[in-house]
């Protein structure tokens, strides 16, 4: 494999995407692939400082300030981790990426989606995921999974999270080739089986072109 792949895991808080991303990492490594697991915000170094601000700052944060902090983290992440790893033939698994900005700050916060897409392009240098999983789960179930201890984003309220969920479904409708929706209302094992089937189809298609 001369060039690697960039695979992102998306969904509202409590959807189980992090768990699934770790299971996929293990599955791919056991299949002989070299895998890099990472996350947004806060991959490492500077990103960890930005993550702390985004998730735990206890004052008011303007929606566009929030968006720009995510974008700053993303620009650093693409340049120093994601692009070099993909160019080296590795599979990069990323827990959240550009679609989170559209779903959360766009659909959730009500910021201009067209503008956010443009800013995402700037932050990433037009690097896009090869495959994106959106783990769709009812908002009620998701909130129960999150539990009582919530960070700043998780505490935004039920209506906000309903908008985020709908945002992800709209994104999937607009880009069906890249974005695959997985029913995450099921148990971990069933969700992983569904995810693995979609992943295997993607890899077979890409590697046997």
C-alpha atoms as a PDB file:
ATOM      1  CA  UNK A   1       0.000   0.000   0.000  1.00  0.00           C
ATOM      2  CA  UNK A   2       1.837   3.078  -1.263  1.00  0.00           C
ATOM      3  CA  UNK A   3      -0.456   5.639   0.331  1.00  0.00           C
ATOM      4  CA  UNK A   4      -2.550   5.116   3.406  1.00  0.00           C
ATOM      5  CA  UNK A   5      -6.125   6.011   4.231  1.00  0.00           C
ATOM      6  CA  UNK A   6      -7.754   8.579   6.471  1.00  0.00           C
ATOM      7  CA  UNK A   7     -10.847   7.288   8.299  1.00  0.00           C
ATOM      8  CA  UNK A   8     -12.926   9.431  10.655  1.00  0.00           C
ATOM      9  CA  UNK A   9     -15.427   8.470  13.337  1.00  0.00           C
ATOM     10  CA  UNK A  10     -18.266  10.898  13.970  1.00  0.00           C
ATOM     11  CA  UNK A  11     -21.511  11.256  15.879  1.00  0.00           C
ATOM     12  CA  UNK A  12     -23.169  13.030  18.766  1.00  0.00           C
ATOM     13  CA  UNK A  13     -21.801  12.660  22.296  1.00  0.00           C
ATOM     14  CA  UNK A  14     -22.679   9.226  23.657  1.00  0.00           C
ATOM     15  CA  UNK A  15     -22.903   7.530  20.256  1.00  0.00           C
ATOM     16  CA  UNK A  16     -20.047   5.109  21.007  1.00  0.00           C
ATOM     17  CA  UNK A  17     -17.696   6.295  18.258  1.00  0.00           C
ATOM     18  CA  UNK A  18     -14.579   6.228  20.441  1.00  0.00           C
ATOM     19  CA  UNK A  19     -15.215   2.634  21.488  1.00  0.00           C
ATOM     20  CA  UNK A  20     -15.772   1.625  17.863  1.00  0.00           C
ATOM     21  CA  UNK A  21     -12.673   3.478  16.668  1.00  0.00           C
ATOM     22  CA  UNK A  22     -10.544   1.532  19.146  1.00  0.00           C
ATOM     23  CA  UNK A  23     -12.117  -1.777  18.064  1.00  0.00           C
ATOM     24  CA  UNK A  24     -11.435  -0.942  14.412  1.00  0.00           C
ATOM     25  CA  UNK A  25      -7.844  -0.018  15.261  1.00  0.00           C
ATOM     26  CA  UNK A  26      -7.343  -3.425  16.878  1.00  0.00           C
ATOM     27  CA  UNK A  27      -9.046  -5.206  13.965  1.00  0.00           C
ATOM     28  CA  UNK A  28      -6.877  -3.464  11.354  1.00  0.00           C
ATOM     29  CA  UNK A  29      -3.649  -4.022  13.286  1.00  0.00           C
ATOM     30  CA  UNK A  30      -4.499  -7.724  13.624  1.00  0.00           C
ATOM     31  CA  UNK A  31      -5.050  -7.746   9.853  1.00  0.00           C
ATOM     32  CA  UNK A  32      -1.503  -6.498   9.279  1.00  0.00           C
ATOM     33  CA  UNK A  33      -2.072  -2.771   8.706  1.00  0.00           C
ATOM     34  CA  UNK A  34      -0.020  -0.037  10.341  1.00  0.00           C
ATOM     35  CA  UNK A  35      -2.518   2.163  12.164  1.00  0.00           C
ATOM     36  CA  UNK A  36      -2.362   5.554  13.854  1.00  0.00           C
ATOM     37  CA  UNK A  37      -5.217   6.366  16.234  1.00  0.00           C
ATOM     38  CA  UNK A  38      -5.809  10.030  17.042  1.00  0.00           C
ATOM     39  CA  UNK A  39      -8.562  12.446  18.018  1.00  0.00           C
ATOM     40  CA  UNK A  40      -9.854  15.985  17.708  1.00  0.00           C
ATOM     41  CA  UNK A  41      -9.513  18.195  19.533  1.00  0.00           C
ATOM     42  CA  UNK A  42      -6.265  17.463  21.255  1.00  0.00           C
ATOM     43  CA  UNK A  43      -4.141  14.891  19.455  1.00  0.00           C
ATOM     44  CA  UNK A  44      -0.923  15.807  21.264  1.00  0.00           C
ATOM     45  CA  UNK A  45       1.196  18.793  22.284  1.00  0.00           C
ATOM     46  CA  UNK A  46      -0.496  22.084  21.404  1.00  0.00           C
ATOM     47  CA  UNK A  47      -3.739  20.259  20.629  1.00  0.00           C
ATOM     48  CA  UNK A  48      -4.013  19.048  24.215  1.00  0.00           C
ATOM     49  CA  UNK A  49      -3.912  22.638  25.467  1.00  0.00           C
ATOM     50  CA  UNK A  50      -6.663  23.622  23.010  1.00  0.00           C
ATOM     51  CA  UNK A  51      -8.755  20.609  24.071  1.00  0.00           C
ATOM     52  CA  UNK A  52      -8.575  21.690  27.689  1.00  0.00           C
ATOM     53  CA  UNK A  53      -9.913  25.129  26.775  1.00  0.00           C
ATOM     54  CA  UNK A  54     -12.686  23.782  24.559  1.00  0.00           C
ATOM     55  CA  UNK A  55     -14.025  21.173  26.941  1.00  0.00           C
ATOM     56  CA  UNK A  56     -13.397  22.651  30.381  1.00  0.00           C
ATOM     57  CA  UNK A  57     -13.266  26.468  30.183  1.00  0.00           C
ATOM     58  CA  UNK A  58     -15.938  27.641  32.640  1.00  0.00           C
ATOM     59  CA  UNK A  59     -16.765  31.024  31.093  1.00  0.00           C
ATOM     60  CA  UNK A  60     -18.862  32.039  28.100  1.00  0.00           C
ATOM     61  CA  UNK A  61     -17.387  31.148  24.710  1.00  0.00           C
ATOM     62  CA  UNK A  62     -18.677  32.868  21.566  1.00  0.00           C
ATOM     63  CA  UNK A  63     -19.765  30.288  18.940  1.00  0.00           C
ATOM     64  CA  UNK A  64     -17.246  31.491  16.357  1.00  0.00           C
ATOM     65  CA  UNK A  65     -14.468  31.572  18.950  1.00  0.00           C
ATOM     66  CA  UNK A  66     -15.336  27.938  19.680  1.00  0.00           C
ATOM     67  CA  UNK A  67     -15.223  27.146  15.956  1.00  0.00           C
ATOM     68  CA  UNK A  68     -11.851  28.849  15.473  1.00  0.00           C
ATOM     69  CA  UNK A  69     -10.320  26.938  18.377  1.00  0.00           C
ATOM     70  CA  UNK A  70     -11.403  23.654  16.789  1.00  0.00           C
ATOM     71  CA  UNK A  71     -10.032  24.845  13.445  1.00  0.00           C
ATOM     72  CA  UNK A  72      -6.685  25.847  14.948  1.00  0.00           C
ATOM     73  CA  UNK A  73      -6.335  22.418  16.508  1.00  0.00           C
ATOM     74  CA  UNK A  74      -7.265  20.832  13.162  1.00  0.00           C
ATOM     75  CA  UNK A  75      -4.673  22.784  11.184  1.00  0.00           C
ATOM     76  CA  UNK A  76      -1.934  21.653  13.579  1.00  0.00           C
ATOM     77  CA  UNK A  77      -3.235  18.086  13.520  1.00  0.00           C
ATOM     78  CA  UNK A  78      -3.308  17.776   9.718  1.00  0.00           C
ATOM     79  CA  UNK A  79       0.147  19.257   9.245  1.00  0.00           C
ATOM     80  CA  UNK A  80       2.008  17.406  11.984  1.00  0.00           C
ATOM     81  CA  UNK A  81       0.252  14.044  12.265  1.00  0.00           C
ATOM     82  CA  UNK A  82      -2.473  13.080   9.788  1.00  0.00           C
ATOM     83  CA  UNK A  83      -0.921  14.000   6.439  1.00  0.00           C
ATOM     84  CA  UNK A  84       2.574  12.623   7.208  1.00  0.00           C
ATOM     85  CA  UNK A  85       1.103   9.327   8.435  1.00  0.00           C
ATOM     86  CA  UNK A  86      -1.151   8.856   5.393  1.00  0.00           C
ATOM     87  CA  UNK A  87       1.718   9.766   3.044  1.00  0.00           C
ATOM     88  CA  UNK A  88       3.803   7.089   4.788  1.00  0.00           C
ATOM     89  CA  UNK A  89       1.206   4.423   3.938  1.00  0.00           C
ATOM     90  CA  UNK A  90      -0.488   4.199   7.341  1.00  0.00           C
ATOM     91  CA  UNK A  91      -4.190   4.096   8.107  1.00  0.00           C
ATOM     92  CA  UNK A  92      -5.137   7.064  10.273  1.00  0.00           C
ATOM     93  CA  UNK A  93      -8.194   6.633  12.476  1.00  0.00           C
ATOM     94  CA  UNK A  94      -9.450   9.943  13.842  1.00  0.00           C
ATOM     95  CA  UNK A  95     -12.077  10.358  16.547  1.00  0.00           C
ATOM     96  CA  UNK A  96     -13.870  13.498  15.218  1.00  0.00           C
ATOM     97  CA  UNK A  97     -12.807  15.793  12.389  1.00  0.00           C
ATOM     98  CA  UNK A  98     -14.320  18.383  10.022  1.00  0.00           C
ATOM     99  CA  UNK A  99     -17.864  16.990  10.144  1.00  0.00           C
ATOM    100  CA  UNK A 100     -17.992  17.711  13.876  1.00  0.00           C
ATOM    101  CA  UNK A 101     -17.545  21.415  13.175  1.00  0.00           C
ATOM    102  CA  UNK A 102     -20.417  21.384  10.674  1.00  0.00           C
ATOM    103  CA  UNK A 103     -22.694  19.350  12.966  1.00  0.00           C
ATOM    104  CA  UNK A 104     -21.903  21.129  16.253  1.00  0.00           C
ATOM    105  CA  UNK A 105     -21.092  24.725  15.356  1.00  0.00           C
ATOM    106  CA  UNK A 106     -23.183  24.757  12.164  1.00  0.00           C
ATOM    107  CA  UNK A 107     -26.364  22.791  12.808  1.00  0.00           C
ATOM    108  CA  UNK A 108     -26.078  22.884  16.607  1.00  0.00           C
ATOM    109  CA  UNK A 109     -24.953  26.473  17.271  1.00  0.00           C
ATOM    110  CA  UNK A 110     -26.524  27.950  14.127  1.00  0.00           C
ATOM    111  CA  UNK A 111     -23.341  29.352  12.583  1.00  0.00           C
ATOM    112  CA  UNK A 112     -23.133  29.768   8.793  1.00  0.00           C
ATOM    113  CA  UNK A 113     -22.493  26.296   7.356  1.00  0.00           C
ATOM    114  CA  UNK A 114     -21.121  27.513   4.035  1.00  0.00           C
ATOM    115  CA  UNK A 115     -18.618  29.682   5.897  1.00  0.00           C
ATOM    116  CA  UNK A 116     -17.633  26.824   8.196  1.00  0.00           C
ATOM    117  CA  UNK A 117     -17.020  24.542   5.206  1.00  0.00           C
ATOM    118  CA  UNK A 118     -14.726  27.180   3.709  1.00  0.00           C
ATOM    119  CA  UNK A 119     -12.832  27.496   7.000  1.00  0.00           C
ATOM    120  CA  UNK A 120     -12.498  23.711   7.201  1.00  0.00           C
ATOM    121  CA  UNK A 121     -10.928  23.758   3.740  1.00  0.00           C
ATOM    122  CA  UNK A 122      -8.399  26.351   4.919  1.00  0.00           C
ATOM    123  CA  UNK A 123      -7.577  24.479   8.117  1.00  0.00           C
ATOM    124  CA  UNK A 124      -7.055  21.130   6.394  1.00  0.00           C
ATOM    125  CA  UNK A 125      -5.419  22.321   3.186  1.00  0.00           C
ATOM    126  CA  UNK A 126      -8.288  20.495   1.437  1.00  0.00           C
ATOM    127  CA  UNK A 127      -7.276  17.127   2.946  1.00  0.00           C
ATOM    128  CA  UNK A 128     -10.454  15.039   3.286  1.00  0.00           C
ATOM    129  CA  UNK A 129     -11.229  11.696   4.923  1.00  0.00           C
ATOM    130  CA  UNK A 130     -11.416   8.714   2.587  1.00  0.00           C
ATOM    131  CA  UNK A 131     -14.181   7.204   4.720  1.00  0.00           C
ATOM    132  CA  UNK A 132     -16.330   8.570   7.527  1.00  0.00           C
ATOM    133  CA  UNK A 133     -18.508   6.603   9.925  1.00  0.00           C
ATOM    134  CA  UNK A 134     -21.419   8.426  11.536  1.00  0.00           C
ATOM    135  CA  UNK A 135     -22.763   6.526  14.531  1.00  0.00           C
ATOM    136  CA  UNK A 136     -26.411   7.465  14.786  1.00  0.00           C
ATOM    137  CA  UNK A 137     -28.196   6.984  18.089  1.00  0.00           C
ATOM    138  CA  UNK A 138     -31.354   8.453  19.596  1.00  0.00           C
ATOM    139  CA  UNK A 139     -30.607  11.559  21.633  1.00  0.00           C
ATOM    140  CA  UNK A 140     -32.246  10.092  24.750  1.00  0.00           C
ATOM    141  CA  UNK A 141     -30.053   6.982  24.648  1.00  0.00           C
ATOM    142  CA  UNK A 142     -26.942   9.063  23.924  1.00  0.00           C
ATOM    143  CA  UNK A 143     -27.545  11.333  26.909  1.00  0.00           C
ATOM    144  CA  UNK A 144     -28.000   8.349  29.212  1.00  0.00           C
ATOM    145  CA  UNK A 145     -24.720   6.890  27.982  1.00  0.00           C
ATOM    146  CA  UNK A 146     -22.870  10.141  28.665  1.00  0.00           C
ATOM    147  CA  UNK A 147     -23.991  10.038  32.308  1.00  0.00           C
ATOM    148  CA  UNK A 148     -24.076  12.751  34.949  1.00  0.00           C
ATOM    149  CA  UNK A 149     -20.506  14.038  34.614  1.00  0.00           C
ATOM    150  CA  UNK A 150     -20.481  16.120  31.432  1.00  0.00           C
ATOM    151  CA  UNK A 151     -17.906  18.404  29.832  1.00  0.00           C
ATOM    152  CA  UNK A 152     -18.839  21.806  28.371  1.00  0.00           C
ATOM    153  CA  UNK A 153     -19.972  20.418  25.009  1.00  0.00           C
ATOM    154  CA  UNK A 154     -21.896  17.507  26.531  1.00  0.00           C
ATOM    155  CA  UNK A 155     -23.753  19.956  28.820  1.00  0.00           C
ATOM    156  CA  UNK A 156     -25.215  22.014  25.968  1.00  0.00           C
ATOM    157  CA  UNK A 157     -28.758  20.642  26.408  1.00  0.00           C
ATOM    158  CA  UNK A 158     -31.079  18.129  24.761  1.00  0.00           C
ATOM    159  CA  UNK A 159     -32.317  20.425  21.969  1.00  0.00           C
ATOM    160  CA  UNK A 160     -28.767  21.263  20.964  1.00  0.00           C
ATOM    161  CA  UNK A 161     -27.877  17.584  20.728  1.00  0.00           C
ATOM    162  CA  UNK A 162     -30.992  16.825  18.683  1.00  0.00           C
ATOM    163  CA  UNK A 163     -29.863  19.463  16.176  1.00  0.00           C
ATOM    164  CA  UNK A 164     -26.381  17.932  16.118  1.00  0.00           C
ATOM    165  CA  UNK A 165     -27.821  14.498  15.374  1.00  0.00           C
ATOM    166  CA  UNK A 166     -29.926  15.853  12.520  1.00  0.00           C
ATOM    167  CA  UNK A 167     -26.886  17.717  11.249  1.00  0.00           C
ATOM    168  CA  UNK A 168     -24.918  14.502  10.934  1.00  0.00           C
ATOM    169  CA  UNK A 169     -27.765  12.843   9.032  1.00  0.00           C
ATOM    170  CA  UNK A 170     -27.872  15.801   6.632  1.00  0.00           C
ATOM    171  CA  UNK A 171     -24.121  15.540   6.067  1.00  0.00           C
ATOM    172  CA  UNK A 172     -24.532  11.841   5.248  1.00  0.00           C
ATOM    173  CA  UNK A 173     -27.265  12.621   2.713  1.00  0.00           C
ATOM    174  CA  UNK A 174     -25.023  15.148   0.972  1.00  0.00           C
ATOM    175  CA  UNK A 175     -21.961  12.856   0.784  1.00  0.00           C
ATOM    176  CA  UNK A 176     -23.199   9.239   0.669  1.00  0.00           C
ATOM    177  CA  UNK A 177     -20.021   7.916  -0.978  1.00  0.00           C
ATOM    178  CA  UNK A 178     -17.798   9.092   1.871  1.00  0.00           C
ATOM    179  CA  UNK A 179     -20.153   9.102   4.856  1.00  0.00           C
ATOM    180  CA  UNK A 180     -21.659   5.832   6.060  1.00  0.00           C
ATOM    181  CA  UNK A 181     -24.331   5.865   8.788  1.00  0.00           C
ATOM    182  CA  UNK A 182     -24.200   3.059  11.344  1.00  0.00           C
ATOM    183  CA  UNK A 183     -27.142   2.327  13.661  1.00  0.00           C
ATOM    184  CA  UNK A 184     -25.543   2.813  17.077  1.00  0.00           C
ATOM    185  CA  UNK A 185     -28.668   2.065  19.125  1.00  0.00           C
ATOM    186  CA  UNK A 186     -27.572  -1.590  19.194  1.00  0.00           C
ATOM    187  CA  UNK A 187     -25.047  -3.203  21.528  1.00  0.00           C
ATOM    188  CA  UNK A 188     -21.304  -2.760  21.028  1.00  0.00           C
ATOM    189  CA  UNK A 189     -20.831  -6.135  19.317  1.00  0.00           C
ATOM    190  CA  UNK A 190     -23.605  -5.571  16.750  1.00  0.00           C
ATOM    191  CA  UNK A 191     -22.419  -2.027  16.003  1.00  0.00           C
ATOM    192  CA  UNK A 192     -18.879  -3.312  15.470  1.00  0.00           C
ATOM    193  CA  UNK A 193     -20.064  -6.054  13.098  1.00  0.00           C
ATOM    194  CA  UNK A 194     -21.912  -3.480  11.014  1.00  0.00           C
ATOM    195  CA  UNK A 195     -18.904  -1.169  11.055  1.00  0.00           C
ATOM    196  CA  UNK A 196     -16.512  -3.966  10.090  1.00  0.00           C
ATOM    197  CA  UNK A 197     -18.671  -4.973   7.090  1.00  0.00           C
ATOM    198  CA  UNK A 198     -18.632  -1.413   5.758  1.00  0.00           C
ATOM    199  CA  UNK A 199     -14.893  -1.096   6.401  1.00  0.00           C
ATOM    200  CA  UNK A 200     -14.108  -4.388   4.634  1.00  0.00           C
ATOM    201  CA  UNK A 201     -16.128  -3.304   1.585  1.00  0.00           C
ATOM    202  CA  UNK A 202     -14.218  -0.011   1.487  1.00  0.00           C
ATOM    203  CA  UNK A 203     -10.795  -1.663   1.756  1.00  0.00           C
ATOM    204  CA  UNK A 204     -11.610  -4.338  -0.831  1.00  0.00           C
ATOM    205  CA  UNK A 205     -12.741  -1.670  -3.256  1.00  0.00           C
ATOM    206  CA  UNK A 206      -9.725   0.589  -2.693  1.00  0.00           C
ATOM    207  CA  UNK A 207      -7.059  -2.114  -2.662  1.00  0.00           C
ATOM    208  CA  UNK A 208      -8.307  -4.024  -5.692  1.00  0.00           C
ATOM    209  CA  UNK A 209      -8.855  -1.129  -8.077  1.00  0.00           C
END
